[in-house]
Amino acid sequence: MSQPEAARTLGVSALRVAMLLANGRLTPAENQAGHAGVTGDSVRAEESWRAQATRRAKLARLFIDAVGYF
């Protein structure tokens, strides 16, 4: 799926999708035309984690991902 589609599915910004990719939380992929995207499996795994994670876990992960991205 495309990165903008992943952002819509997860309810996050395109920058957050870039952070998730950079930190290995989403798996990069290309479609047949060679456009960058992410695997549907990794998006579903991220959705599942978000549904089960506590608010504290989400904030901690956001902080760690932001530090790792910048």
C-alpha atoms as a PDB file:
ATOM      1  CA  MET A   1       0.000   0.000   0.000  1.00  0.00           C
ATOM      2  CA  SER A   2       1.161   3.571  -0.562  1.00  0.00           C
ATOM      3  CA  GLN A   3       2.595   5.633   2.257  1.00  0.00           C
ATOM      4  CA  PRO A   4      -0.325   8.127   2.141  1.00  0.00           C
ATOM      5  CA  GLU A   5      -2.764   5.198   2.294  1.00  0.00           C
ATOM      6  CA  ALA A   6      -0.875   3.789   5.286  1.00  0.00           C
ATOM      7  CA  ALA A   7      -1.075   7.193   6.976  1.00  0.00           C
ATOM      8  CA  ARG A   8      -4.852   7.334   6.432  1.00  0.00           C
ATOM      9  CA  THR A   9      -5.299   3.750   7.640  1.00  0.00           C
ATOM     10  CA  LEU A  10      -3.311   4.389  10.812  1.00  0.00           C
ATOM     11  CA  GLY A  11      -4.723   7.874  11.360  1.00  0.00           C
ATOM     12  CA  VAL A  12      -1.297   9.485  11.416  1.00  0.00           C
ATOM     13  CA  SER A  13       0.630  12.000   9.334  1.00  0.00           C
ATOM     14  CA  ALA A  14       2.948  11.209   6.447  1.00  0.00           C
ATOM     15  CA  LEU A  15       5.854  12.283   8.674  1.00  0.00           C
ATOM     16  CA  ARG A  16       4.845   9.683  11.264  1.00  0.00           C
ATOM     17  CA  VAL A  17       4.766   7.009   8.548  1.00  0.00           C
ATOM     18  CA  ALA A  18       8.299   8.077   7.578  1.00  0.00           C
ATOM     19  CA  MET A  19       9.352   7.754  11.235  1.00  0.00           C
ATOM     20  CA  LEU A  20       7.766   4.314  11.489  1.00  0.00           C
ATOM     21  CA  LEU A  21       9.630   3.227   8.354  1.00  0.00           C
ATOM     22  CA  ALA A  22      12.946   4.681   9.547  1.00  0.00           C
ATOM     23  CA  ASN A  23      12.617   2.896  12.886  1.00  0.00           C
ATOM     24  CA  GLY A  24      11.641  -0.455  11.380  1.00  0.00           C
ATOM     25  CA  ARG A  25       8.053  -0.390  12.642  1.00  0.00           C
ATOM     26  CA  LEU A  26       6.705  -0.553   9.066  1.00  0.00           C
ATOM     27  CA  THR A  27       8.224  -2.629   6.295  1.00  0.00           C
ATOM     28  CA  PRO A  28       9.041  -0.816   3.046  1.00  0.00           C
ATOM     29  CA  ALA A  29       7.764  -2.189  -0.240  1.00  0.00           C
ATOM     30  CA  GLU A  30       7.427  -1.186  -3.888  1.00  0.00           C
ATOM     31  CA  ASN A  31       4.523  -1.739  -6.221  1.00  0.00           C
ATOM     32  CA  GLN A  32       5.008  -3.073  -9.759  1.00  0.00           C
ATOM     33  CA  ALA A  33       5.506   0.461 -11.076  1.00  0.00           C
ATOM     34  CA  GLY A  34       8.365   0.968  -8.600  1.00  0.00           C
ATOM     35  CA  HIS A  35       6.551   3.411  -6.311  1.00  0.00           C
ATOM     36  CA  ALA A  36       7.546   3.310  -2.646  1.00  0.00           C
ATOM     37  CA  GLY A  37       5.057   2.068  -0.113  1.00  0.00           C
ATOM     38  CA  VAL A  38       4.688  -0.246   2.850  1.00  0.00           C
ATOM     39  CA  THR A  39       3.487  -3.799   3.269  1.00  0.00           C
ATOM     40  CA  GLY A  40      -0.107  -4.336   4.294  1.00  0.00           C
ATOM     41  CA  ASP A  41       1.045  -6.869   6.892  1.00  0.00           C
ATOM     42  CA  SER A  42       3.217  -4.304   8.659  1.00  0.00           C
ATOM     43  CA  VAL A  43       0.357  -1.769   8.665  1.00  0.00           C
ATOM     44  CA  ARG A  44      -1.997  -4.357  10.158  1.00  0.00           C
ATOM     45  CA  ALA A  45       0.618  -5.248  12.794  1.00  0.00           C
ATOM     46  CA  GLU A  46       0.986  -1.563  13.676  1.00  0.00           C
ATOM     47  CA  GLU A  47      -2.809  -1.197  13.899  1.00  0.00           C
ATOM     48  CA  SER A  48      -2.948  -4.186  16.223  1.00  0.00           C
ATOM     49  CA  TRP A  49      -0.173  -2.816  18.438  1.00  0.00           C
ATOM     50  CA  ARG A  50      -1.902   0.576  18.629  1.00  0.00           C
ATOM     51  CA  ALA A  51      -5.208  -1.057  19.596  1.00  0.00           C
ATOM     52  CA  GLN A  52      -3.584  -2.949  22.485  1.00  0.00           C
ATOM     53  CA  ALA A  53      -0.898  -0.525  23.707  1.00  0.00           C
ATOM     54  CA  THR A  54      -1.380   1.716  26.711  1.00  0.00           C
ATOM     55  CA  ARG A  55      -1.214   5.465  26.307  1.00  0.00           C
ATOM     56  CA  ARG A  56       2.104   5.456  28.171  1.00  0.00           C
ATOM     57  CA  ALA A  57       3.548   2.845  25.802  1.00  0.00           C
ATOM     58  CA  LYS A  58       2.430   4.879  22.798  1.00  0.00           C
ATOM     59  CA  LEU A  59       4.015   8.065  24.144  1.00  0.00           C
ATOM     60  CA  ALA A  60       7.245   6.272  25.029  1.00  0.00           C
ATOM     61  CA  ARG A  61       7.456   4.743  21.578  1.00  0.00           C
ATOM     62  CA  LEU A  62       6.729   8.079  19.901  1.00  0.00           C
ATOM     63  CA  PHE A  63       9.567   9.672  21.871  1.00  0.00           C
ATOM     64  CA  ILE A  64      11.997   6.856  21.044  1.00  0.00           C
ATOM     65  CA  ASP A  65      11.011   6.928  17.368  1.00  0.00           C
ATOM     66  CA  ALA A  66      11.373  10.720  17.183  1.00  0.00           C
ATOM     67  CA  VAL A  67      14.851  10.610  18.715  1.00  0.00           C
ATOM     68  CA  GLY A  68      15.846   7.823  16.326  1.00  0.00           C
ATOM     69  CA  TYR A  69      14.412   9.633  13.303  1.00  0.00           C
ATOM     70  CA  PHE A  70      16.075  12.997  13.875  1.00  0.00           C
END
